[in-house]
Protein backbone atom coordinates (compact mmCIF):
# COMPACT_ATOMS: atom_id res chain seq x y z
CA MET A 1 -14.93 0.54 -34.86
CA LYS A 2 -13.66 2.99 -32.32
CA THR A 3 -11.23 5.69 -33.39
CA LEU A 4 -9.47 8.03 -30.97
CA LYS A 5 -9.91 11.58 -32.19
CA SER A 6 -8.40 13.67 -29.38
CA ILE A 7 -7.08 13.73 -25.86
CA ARG A 8 -7.83 16.64 -23.59
CA GLN A 9 -6.26 17.12 -20.18
CA VAL A 10 -8.89 18.10 -17.61
CA SER A 11 -6.74 18.42 -14.45
CA GLY A 12 -3.14 18.00 -13.37
CA GLY A 13 -1.26 16.89 -10.32
CA PHE A 14 0.34 13.54 -9.40
CA LEU A 15 -2.62 11.86 -11.17
CA LYS A 16 -3.78 13.66 -14.25
CA LYS A 17 -7.33 13.43 -15.51
CA TYR A 18 -8.00 13.25 -19.26
CA GLU A 19 -10.96 13.05 -21.60
CA LEU A 20 -10.50 10.66 -24.54
CA HIS A 21 -12.73 11.65 -27.45
CA TYR A 22 -13.67 8.78 -29.76
CA ASP A 23 -15.70 8.19 -32.88
CA SER A 24 -17.62 4.99 -32.28
CA ASP A 25 -19.31 4.01 -35.56
CA GLY A 26 -20.25 7.59 -36.24
CA GLN A 27 -21.23 8.40 -32.65
CA PRO A 28 -19.10 10.68 -30.45
CA VAL A 29 -18.00 9.08 -27.20
CA CYS A 30 -16.05 10.73 -24.37
CA TRP A 31 -14.25 8.52 -21.82
CA GLU A 32 -12.54 9.86 -18.71
CA VAL A 33 -9.22 8.32 -17.53
CA ILE A 34 -6.48 9.13 -15.04
CA SER A 35 -2.84 8.67 -15.73
CA LEU A 36 0.60 9.22 -14.20
CA ASN A 37 1.79 9.93 -17.74
CA ASP A 38 1.58 13.04 -19.91
CA LEU A 39 -0.89 12.02 -22.64
CA LYS A 40 -0.75 13.83 -25.94
CA THR A 41 -1.37 11.12 -28.60
CA GLU A 42 -2.70 7.59 -28.57
CA LYS A 43 0.89 6.26 -28.55
CA ASP A 44 1.23 7.77 -25.04
CA LEU A 45 -1.58 5.59 -23.60
CA ALA A 46 -0.12 2.68 -21.59
CA SER A 47 3.29 3.58 -23.02
CA ARG A 48 5.47 3.09 -19.99
CA LYS A 49 5.71 0.77 -16.98
CA THR A 50 4.36 2.95 -14.14
CA ALA A 51 4.35 0.70 -11.09
CA VAL A 52 5.54 -2.49 -9.47
CA GLU A 53 3.60 -5.04 -7.40
CA ILE A 54 5.89 -7.14 -5.22
CA ILE A 55 4.79 -10.67 -4.40
CA ALA A 56 7.29 -11.41 -1.66
CA ARG A 57 8.10 -14.53 0.28
CA PHE A 58 10.45 -14.86 3.21
CA GLU A 59 13.28 -17.40 3.07
CA ASP A 60 11.15 -19.75 5.30
CA GLY A 61 8.30 -19.73 2.75
CA ASP A 62 5.93 -17.32 4.56
CA TYR A 63 4.43 -14.46 2.53
CA LEU A 64 4.62 -10.73 3.06
CA LEU A 65 1.29 -8.96 3.07
CA CYS A 66 0.66 -5.33 3.77
CA ARG A 67 -2.38 -3.77 5.34
CA GLU A 68 -2.60 -0.22 4.06
CA PHE A 69 -5.07 2.57 4.60
CA ARG A 70 -6.46 3.44 1.18
CA PHE A 71 -8.24 6.78 0.90
CA ALA A 72 -10.44 5.73 -2.04
CA VAL A 73 -12.23 3.13 0.11
CA ASN A 74 -11.72 4.89 3.47
CA ASP A 75 -10.53 1.65 4.96
CA TYR A 76 -7.59 -0.69 5.34
CA VAL A 77 -6.88 -3.07 2.40
CA TRP A 78 -4.71 -6.17 2.32
CA GLU A 79 -2.31 -6.15 -0.57
CA PHE A 80 1.22 -6.82 -1.74
CA PRO A 81 3.67 -3.96 -1.57
CA THR A 82 3.27 -1.68 -4.58
CA GLY A 83 4.76 1.54 -5.77
CA VAL A 84 5.45 3.90 -8.63
CA ILE A 85 8.50 3.36 -10.81
CA ASP A 86 10.38 6.62 -10.88
CA GLU A 87 11.39 7.93 -14.31
CA ASP A 88 15.06 6.96 -13.87
CA GLU A 89 14.41 3.51 -12.37
CA THR A 90 14.04 -0.04 -13.63
CA PRO A 91 11.23 -2.16 -12.13
CA GLU A 92 13.87 -4.09 -10.17
CA GLU A 93 15.30 -0.86 -8.67
CA ALA A 94 11.78 0.32 -7.85
CA ALA A 95 10.93 -2.91 -6.11
CA LYS A 96 14.05 -2.76 -3.96
CA ARG A 97 13.35 0.88 -3.00
CA GLU A 98 9.67 0.31 -2.34
CA LEU A 99 10.33 -2.70 -0.10
CA ILE A 100 12.67 -0.64 2.05
CA GLU A 101 10.38 2.40 2.16
CA GLU A 102 7.11 0.50 2.83
CA THR A 103 8.28 -2.49 4.89
CA GLY A 104 11.88 -2.01 5.99
CA LEU A 105 12.75 -5.38 4.38
CA GLU A 106 15.68 -6.27 2.22
CA LEU A 107 15.31 -7.73 -1.27
CA VAL A 108 17.30 -10.96 -1.31
CA SER A 109 16.51 -12.14 -4.86
CA ILE A 110 14.18 -11.51 -7.76
CA ASP A 111 12.76 -14.91 -8.63
CA ARG A 112 10.47 -14.05 -11.49
CA ILE A 113 9.30 -10.97 -13.32
CA LEU A 114 6.07 -11.08 -15.31
CA PRO A 115 5.35 -8.83 -18.32
CA PRO A 116 3.66 -5.53 -17.54
CA ALA A 117 -0.08 -5.95 -16.96
CA CYS A 118 -2.93 -3.46 -17.41
CA TYR A 119 -4.36 -2.37 -14.08
CA SER A 120 -7.85 -1.01 -13.57
CA VAL A 121 -8.31 -0.55 -17.30
CA GLY A 122 -11.74 1.09 -16.90
CA LEU A 123 -10.13 3.99 -15.04
CA CYS A 124 -6.45 4.38 -16.00
CA ASP A 125 -3.66 3.44 -18.44
CA GLU A 126 -1.34 2.14 -15.72
CA LEU A 127 1.02 -0.75 -16.59
CA ILE A 128 2.14 -2.64 -13.49
CA VAL A 129 5.08 -5.01 -13.33
CA PRO A 130 4.54 -8.02 -11.05
CA LEU A 131 7.79 -9.26 -9.43
CA PHE A 132 8.06 -12.45 -7.39
CA VAL A 133 10.87 -11.92 -4.85
CA THR A 134 12.49 -13.28 -1.72
CA VAL A 135 12.94 -10.93 1.26
CA ARG A 136 14.44 -10.90 4.71
CA GLY A 137 14.93 -8.51 7.61
CA GLU A 138 12.93 -6.77 10.29
CA MET A 139 9.60 -5.30 9.26
CA LYS A 140 9.00 -1.60 10.07
CA PRO A 141 5.75 0.36 9.83
CA CYS A 142 5.44 3.07 7.27
CA ASN A 143 3.72 6.21 8.62
CA GLU A 144 3.62 9.07 6.15
CA ALA A 145 0.89 11.57 5.38
CA TYR A 146 -0.14 9.56 2.29
CA GLU A 147 0.82 6.08 3.47
CA GLU A 148 -0.02 4.11 6.58
CA ILE A 149 1.29 0.59 6.01
CA ARG A 150 1.66 -2.38 8.38
CA SER A 151 3.62 -5.35 7.14
CA HIS A 152 2.62 -8.91 8.13
CA LYS A 153 4.55 -12.16 7.76
CA MET A 154 1.90 -14.80 7.13
CA SER A 155 1.88 -18.55 6.72
CA VAL A 156 -0.25 -20.23 4.04
CA GLN A 157 -2.75 -21.26 6.74
CA GLN A 158 -2.98 -17.69 8.06
CA ILE A 159 -3.63 -16.52 4.52
CA ARG A 160 -6.33 -19.15 4.01
CA ASP A 161 -7.96 -18.01 7.24
CA LEU A 162 -7.80 -14.34 6.10
CA LEU A 163 -9.46 -15.20 2.81
CA LYS A 164 -12.40 -16.81 4.69
CA GLN A 165 -13.25 -13.60 6.50
CA GLU A 166 -16.52 -12.17 5.27
CA ASN A 167 -15.77 -8.46 5.06
CA VAL A 168 -12.03 -8.53 4.24
CA LYS A 169 -10.90 -5.89 1.80
CA ILE A 170 -8.13 -7.20 -0.49
CA THR A 171 -6.78 -6.17 -3.85
CA GLU A 172 -7.69 -8.27 -6.85
CA THR A 173 -4.13 -9.37 -7.69
CA CYS A 174 -3.49 -10.28 -4.08
CA MET A 175 -6.70 -12.28 -3.93
CA LEU A 176 -5.93 -14.16 -7.14
CA VAL A 177 -2.38 -15.10 -6.15
CA LEU A 178 -3.26 -16.06 -2.58
CA SER A 179 -6.34 -18.06 -3.55
CA GLN A 180 -4.03 -20.45 -5.39
CA LEU A 181 -2.17 -21.38 -2.18
């Protein structure tokens, strides 16, 4: 049986680093995590929806994929548009805002929202809300200091060809959804 004894913040910033101190059958265990949240008690862990992942299709059935430079892997990664839910936003509002910011596209409809899912549970307490949406408009690149994103309108065949590439970097959720096409 594992019992959380204390939470200690190690560093601050956009992402905060914490040490979670546990008792594991009489043995002390310390686990490091990062969070967008302020963690004080165990009830704070995974306590709020922190991000959206937008699985978008165009009205003609093609999919929207983004190729974004990700600092943690020092490379470009294929993924669906994602973004943080601001404190005063609903997941639907965040999806609409993030689509415009990252791709220039307009949200036409929200077709399905899945329950919040744990994301990278070995490292963080993030809860991400997957939204299946329909989009339209003209794609625009996003070039900011922290984000370099290129949007791509891709057919199912183009996606299948992408997934066959040997050294393609792609997020897990994106890989799982696209592999079902």
